[in-house]
Amino acid sequence: METHRLLRVAHHLAVFTGSFDPVTYGHLDVLQRARGLFDEIVIAVGHNPDKPGVFSFEERVDLLNELVGELVATHPRGAAVRVAHYTGLTVDFAREVGASAIIRGIRNVTDLNAECQAAITNRQVAGIETVFILTSEKYAYASSSLIRQIAAFGGSMDTLTPFVPDRVQLALRAKLDDPSNPLGRLRAEQAQD
């Protein structure tokens, strides 16, 4: 009879990065499935200099904390999750928190093409792997950018129900009425045309 020794497996921490501006059901779907793969996940709210933010870092972190709290309460099995924000390079943040992987949600082939380039660069530059998780089919065409466009161009907020949680819809409505917010400015410009 052979005797096998159990080896202690390393703690696998991953960072799930994105702007989450706003957070969508697609994000939460990817997070829930990633919770079965890792011991701990840090949702890393990043700053994308190419996109003007609708929500501040603090607002995005607050929304995510509320939504993640609900998700974990509903589905207690899986990785622990915490939310943080960062500026700078994602790989620097990943190293700082001791991540073994970066989680990226993939909706379609276009996402995959862009994400593969970043994943190869992250591996070469920082030695960190990227794990791609395909979003559920029902969220494959929803993006934060699309959600912002629908809201800004006068689309019914009810059309967003399949794509974003109610509290995100409420937060978006508030931004539409704020002329100092990029979303509110865009909506005002559309109303003038």
Protein backbone atom coordinates (compact mmCIF):
# COMPACT_ATOMS: atom_id res chain seq x y z
CA MET A 1 0.00 0.00 0.00
CA GLU A 2 1.37 3.39 -0.99
CA THR A 3 1.32 6.26 1.43
CA HIS A 4 0.69 9.71 -0.01
CA ARG A 5 1.52 12.82 1.87
CA LEU A 6 -0.74 15.79 1.56
CA LEU A 7 1.11 18.89 0.50
CA ARG A 8 -0.06 22.29 1.55
CA VAL A 9 -1.25 24.16 -1.51
CA ALA A 10 -0.35 27.81 -1.81
CA HIS A 11 -3.04 30.42 -1.22
CA HIS A 12 -4.27 31.45 -4.67
CA LEU A 13 -5.22 35.11 -4.78
CA ALA A 14 -6.40 36.72 -8.02
CA VAL A 15 -7.23 40.26 -8.96
CA PHE A 16 -10.32 40.93 -11.09
CA THR A 17 -9.52 44.20 -12.77
CA GLY A 18 -11.66 46.70 -14.61
CA SER A 19 -13.09 50.19 -14.48
CA PHE A 20 -16.52 48.85 -13.39
CA ASP A 21 -18.04 52.12 -14.56
CA PRO A 22 -20.74 50.96 -14.03
CA VAL A 23 -20.67 47.45 -12.63
CA THR A 24 -22.87 45.08 -14.63
CA TYR A 25 -24.42 41.66 -14.16
CA GLY A 26 -21.73 40.43 -16.56
CA HIS A 27 -19.06 41.50 -14.05
CA LEU A 28 -20.89 39.78 -11.22
CA ASP A 29 -21.35 36.65 -13.33
CA VAL A 30 -17.60 36.41 -14.02
CA LEU A 31 -16.85 37.08 -10.34
CA GLN A 32 -19.18 34.35 -9.11
CA ARG A 33 -17.60 31.74 -11.39
CA ALA A 34 -14.08 32.89 -10.51
CA ARG A 35 -14.89 32.35 -6.82
CA GLY A 36 -14.79 28.61 -7.51
CA LEU A 37 -11.24 28.82 -8.88
CA PHE A 38 -9.37 30.88 -6.29
CA ASP A 39 -9.06 31.18 -2.52
CA GLU A 40 -9.37 34.96 -2.51
CA ILE A 41 -10.26 37.60 -5.09
CA VAL A 42 -9.54 41.31 -4.99
CA ILE A 43 -11.82 43.30 -7.27
CA ALA A 44 -9.40 45.97 -8.46
CA VAL A 45 -11.17 49.11 -9.64
CA GLY A 46 -8.75 50.79 -11.99
CA HIS A 47 -8.48 54.14 -13.68
CA ASN A 48 -8.70 54.09 -17.47
CA PRO A 49 -7.28 57.38 -18.76
CA ASP A 50 -9.05 56.80 -22.10
CA LYS A 51 -12.52 56.83 -20.50
CA PRO A 52 -13.98 59.72 -18.51
CA GLY A 53 -15.47 58.30 -15.33
CA VAL A 54 -19.20 58.48 -14.71
CA PHE A 55 -18.71 57.29 -11.13
CA SER A 56 -15.85 58.27 -8.85
CA PHE A 57 -13.52 55.60 -7.48
CA GLU A 58 -15.32 55.82 -4.15
CA GLU A 59 -18.75 55.43 -5.74
CA ARG A 60 -17.65 52.40 -7.75
CA VAL A 61 -16.02 50.82 -4.70
CA ASP A 62 -19.18 51.47 -2.63
CA LEU A 63 -21.49 49.99 -5.29
CA LEU A 64 -19.23 46.95 -5.66
CA ASN A 65 -19.00 46.42 -1.90
CA GLU A 66 -22.81 46.41 -1.65
CA LEU A 67 -23.31 44.12 -4.65
CA VAL A 68 -20.50 41.74 -3.69
CA GLY A 69 -21.89 41.57 -0.14
CA GLU A 70 -25.24 40.48 -1.58
CA LEU A 71 -23.58 37.98 -3.92
CA VAL A 72 -21.53 36.37 -1.16
CA ALA A 73 -24.56 36.25 1.17
CA THR A 74 -26.60 34.54 -1.55
CA HIS A 75 -23.75 32.21 -2.60
CA PRO A 76 -21.55 31.74 0.48
CA ARG A 77 -19.40 28.97 -1.01
CA GLY A 78 -16.36 30.19 -2.85
CA ALA A 79 -13.48 32.58 -2.52
CA ALA A 80 -13.46 35.51 -0.15
CA VAL A 81 -13.82 38.80 -2.04
CA ARG A 82 -12.66 42.30 -1.22
CA VAL A 83 -12.81 45.49 -3.26
CA ALA A 84 -9.98 47.98 -3.72
CA HIS A 85 -9.05 50.70 -6.17
CA TYR A 86 -5.73 51.53 -7.71
CA THR A 87 -3.98 53.85 -10.12
CA GLY A 88 -1.03 52.91 -12.24
CA LEU A 89 -0.20 49.59 -13.83
CA THR A 90 -2.39 46.60 -13.10
CA VAL A 91 0.65 44.32 -12.77
CA ASP A 92 2.11 46.59 -10.09
CA PHE A 93 -1.12 46.38 -8.10
CA ALA A 94 -1.27 42.61 -8.62
CA ARG A 95 2.27 42.23 -7.28
CA GLU A 96 1.50 44.54 -4.36
CA VAL A 97 -1.39 42.34 -3.17
CA GLY A 98 0.44 39.08 -3.88
CA ALA A 99 -1.79 37.91 -6.72
CA SER A 100 -0.96 34.78 -8.66
CA ALA A 101 -3.33 35.68 -11.51
CA ILE A 102 -5.37 38.41 -13.13
CA ILE A 103 -9.00 37.59 -13.95
CA ARG A 104 -10.46 39.01 -17.14
CA GLY A 105 -14.00 38.54 -18.37
CA ILE A 106 -14.41 37.75 -22.05
CA ARG A 107 -17.65 38.46 -23.90
CA ASN A 108 -16.62 37.81 -27.48
CA VAL A 109 -13.75 37.37 -29.94
CA THR A 110 -13.07 41.11 -30.00
CA ASP A 111 -12.48 41.08 -26.22
CA LEU A 112 -10.26 38.02 -26.58
CA ASN A 113 -8.01 39.66 -29.19
CA ALA A 114 -7.43 42.72 -27.01
CA GLU A 115 -7.04 40.74 -23.79
CA CYS A 116 -4.55 38.25 -25.26
CA GLN A 117 -2.10 41.03 -26.06
CA ALA A 118 -2.36 42.40 -22.51
CA ALA A 119 -2.07 38.92 -21.00
CA ILE A 120 1.11 38.10 -22.91
CA THR A 121 2.61 41.45 -21.96
CA ASN A 122 1.70 40.98 -18.29
CA ARG A 123 3.28 37.54 -18.27
CA GLN A 124 6.48 38.76 -19.97
CA VAL A 125 6.82 41.94 -17.93
CA ALA A 126 5.64 40.76 -14.51
CA GLY A 127 5.46 36.98 -14.64
CA ILE A 128 1.77 37.00 -13.78
CA GLU A 129 -0.76 34.81 -15.55
CA THR A 130 -4.17 35.89 -16.80
CA VAL A 131 -7.25 33.70 -16.46
CA PHE A 132 -10.02 34.35 -18.96
CA ILE A 133 -13.58 33.60 -17.93
CA LEU A 134 -16.32 33.72 -20.54
CA THR A 135 -19.37 35.60 -19.43
CA SER A 136 -22.77 33.94 -19.70
CA GLU A 137 -24.41 34.24 -23.09
CA LYS A 138 -27.12 36.53 -21.77
CA TYR A 139 -24.48 39.15 -20.91
CA ALA A 140 -22.30 38.69 -24.00
CA TYR A 141 -23.41 41.94 -25.61
CA ALA A 142 -23.62 44.19 -22.59
CA SER A 143 -20.69 46.40 -21.69
CA SER A 144 -20.26 49.30 -19.32
CA SER A 145 -19.75 51.55 -22.37
CA LEU A 146 -23.04 50.39 -23.90
CA ILE A 147 -24.86 50.94 -20.61
CA ARG A 148 -23.50 54.51 -20.43
CA GLN A 149 -24.54 55.18 -24.04
CA ILE A 150 -28.08 53.91 -23.53
CA ALA A 151 -28.45 56.10 -20.45
CA ALA A 152 -26.88 59.20 -22.03
CA PHE A 153 -28.76 59.03 -25.32
CA GLY A 154 -32.16 58.89 -23.69
CA GLY A 155 -32.80 55.16 -23.74
CA SER A 156 -35.33 53.91 -21.25
CA MET A 157 -33.63 52.97 -18.00
CA ASP A 158 -35.98 49.98 -17.91
CA THR A 159 -34.07 48.53 -20.88
CA LEU A 160 -31.05 48.26 -18.58
CA THR A 161 -32.81 45.90 -16.14
CA PRO A 162 -31.34 42.72 -17.69
CA PHE A 163 -27.82 44.16 -17.59
CA VAL A 164 -27.35 46.11 -14.35
CA PRO A 165 -28.65 45.76 -10.79
CA ASP A 166 -31.39 48.13 -9.60
CA ARG A 167 -29.04 50.16 -7.40
CA VAL A 168 -26.79 50.79 -10.42
CA GLN A 169 -29.80 52.01 -12.39
CA LEU A 170 -30.69 54.40 -9.56
CA ALA A 171 -27.12 55.69 -9.43
CA LEU A 172 -27.11 56.20 -13.20
CA ARG A 173 -30.38 58.15 -13.01
CA ALA A 174 -28.80 60.49 -10.46
CA LYS A 175 -25.79 61.06 -12.74
CA LEU A 176 -28.06 61.94 -15.66
CA ASP A 177 -29.42 64.87 -13.68
CA ASP A 178 -25.92 66.12 -12.75
CA PRO A 179 -24.65 68.59 -15.40
CA SER A 180 -21.11 68.35 -13.96
CA ASN A 181 -21.00 64.60 -14.67
CA PRO A 182 -19.88 63.37 -18.13
CA LEU A 183 -23.09 61.35 -18.44
CA GLY A 184 -25.26 64.35 -17.55
CA ARG A 185 -23.33 66.61 -19.96
CA LEU A 186 -23.72 64.12 -22.79
CA ARG A 187 -27.44 63.82 -22.15
CA ALA A 188 -27.80 67.62 -22.09
CA GLU A 189 -25.92 67.90 -25.40
CA GLN A 190 -28.22 65.31 -26.94
CA ALA A 191 -31.28 67.20 -25.75
CA GLN A 192 -30.02 70.36 -27.51
CA ASP A 193 -29.55 68.61 -30.86
